[in-house]
Amino acid sequence: MKVTVQEASRKAAVSAAMPHAIDATGKSVHLTPTQLKVMQGVYSGQLNKQIAYELGIAEATVKAHMTALMRKLNVRNRTQVAIAAQRLAFPLS
């Protein structure tokens, strides 16, 4: 598959705009803006229901984002997601 210069440039711009986090092994991972917001909610101590209300999405969607976050960050539970968020130095709201 051939990639045009414009397509490569667009992909690089999208990648640069996506937030990065560090997983449990020290590898950099890309997070979507919504995953970052869910992560910030977890770091703030909010329940999935509270995060869902704040973001205007379904609680099941928050759970899906949590599953994706845990896989990307290579962690097994919500506490470890919060610890990873702490490494990003989220300001508590």
Protein backbone atom coordinates (compact mmCIF):
# COMPACT_ATOMS: atom_id res chain seq x y z
CA MET A 1 0.00 0.00 0.00
CA LYS A 2 1.41 3.34 -1.07
CA VAL A 3 1.09 6.32 1.30
CA THR A 4 1.06 9.83 -0.11
CA VAL A 5 3.09 12.64 1.42
CA GLN A 6 -0.16 14.39 2.41
CA GLU A 7 -1.48 11.27 4.14
CA ALA A 8 1.80 10.74 6.00
CA SER A 9 1.78 14.40 7.04
CA ARG A 10 -1.84 14.17 8.26
CA LYS A 11 -1.09 11.01 10.27
CA ALA A 12 1.95 12.66 11.85
CA ALA A 13 -0.12 15.73 12.79
CA VAL A 14 -2.87 13.57 14.34
CA SER A 15 -0.29 11.53 16.25
CA ALA A 16 1.41 14.67 17.55
CA ALA A 17 -1.93 16.10 18.69
CA MET A 18 -2.90 12.96 20.63
CA PRO A 19 -1.94 12.92 24.29
CA HIS A 20 0.79 10.51 25.32
CA ALA A 21 1.04 8.50 28.50
CA ILE A 22 3.61 6.02 29.75
CA ASP A 23 2.50 2.45 30.36
CA ALA A 24 3.68 0.20 33.19
CA THR A 25 6.68 -0.94 31.13
CA GLY A 26 7.81 2.61 30.33
CA LYS A 27 6.52 2.58 26.74
CA SER A 28 4.79 5.69 25.36
CA VAL A 29 1.14 5.15 24.37
CA HIS A 30 -1.34 7.38 22.55
CA LEU A 31 -4.59 8.31 24.28
CA THR A 32 -7.69 9.72 22.69
CA PRO A 33 -9.05 12.97 24.13
CA THR A 34 -11.98 11.08 25.71
CA GLN A 35 -9.68 8.47 27.23
CA LEU A 36 -7.67 11.31 28.72
CA LYS A 37 -10.84 12.85 30.22
CA VAL A 38 -11.89 9.47 31.66
CA MET A 39 -8.41 9.02 33.09
CA GLN A 40 -8.63 12.46 34.70
CA GLY A 41 -11.99 11.50 36.23
CA VAL A 42 -10.48 8.33 37.70
CA TYR A 43 -7.57 10.37 39.05
CA SER A 44 -10.06 12.75 40.66
CA GLY A 45 -11.74 9.82 42.41
CA GLN A 46 -14.97 9.91 40.43
CA LEU A 47 -17.15 6.87 39.85
CA ASN A 48 -17.89 5.72 36.30
CA LYS A 49 -21.41 7.08 36.69
CA GLN A 50 -20.09 10.53 37.64
CA ILE A 51 -17.59 10.54 34.77
CA ALA A 52 -20.35 9.55 32.35
CA TYR A 53 -22.61 12.36 33.55
CA GLU A 54 -19.83 14.93 33.36
CA LEU A 55 -18.84 13.89 29.82
CA GLY A 56 -22.41 13.40 28.60
CA ILE A 57 -21.87 9.77 27.63
CA ALA A 58 -23.29 6.44 28.79
CA GLU A 59 -21.77 4.65 31.76
CA ALA A 60 -21.14 1.64 29.48
CA THR A 61 -19.07 3.92 27.24
CA VAL A 62 -16.96 4.98 30.23
CA LYS A 63 -16.42 1.29 31.02
CA ALA A 64 -15.30 0.69 27.43
CA HIS A 65 -12.85 3.60 27.70
CA MET A 66 -11.56 2.20 31.02
CA THR A 67 -10.96 -1.19 29.42
CA ALA A 68 -9.08 0.47 26.56
CA LEU A 69 -7.05 2.57 29.00
CA MET A 70 -6.08 -0.45 31.08
CA ARG A 71 -4.98 -2.33 27.97
CA LYS A 72 -3.02 0.61 26.58
CA LEU A 73 -1.36 1.34 29.92
CA ASN A 74 -0.74 -2.35 30.58
CA VAL A 75 -2.39 -2.20 34.01
CA ARG A 76 -5.02 -4.38 35.66
CA ASN A 77 -7.19 -2.11 37.78
CA ARG A 78 -8.59 1.37 38.34
CA THR A 79 -6.02 2.23 41.02
CA GLN A 80 -3.18 1.57 38.60
CA VAL A 81 -4.89 3.83 36.03
CA ALA A 82 -4.97 6.57 38.68
CA ILE A 83 -1.27 6.04 39.40
CA ALA A 84 -0.50 6.32 35.69
CA ALA A 85 -2.56 9.52 35.61
CA GLN A 86 -0.52 10.87 38.51
CA ARG A 87 2.60 10.43 36.37
CA LEU A 88 0.96 12.78 33.85
CA ALA A 89 0.59 15.29 36.70
CA PHE A 90 -3.12 16.01 36.29
CA PRO A 91 -4.18 19.03 38.32
CA LEU A 92 -7.01 18.11 40.66
CA SER A 93 -10.11 20.11 39.82
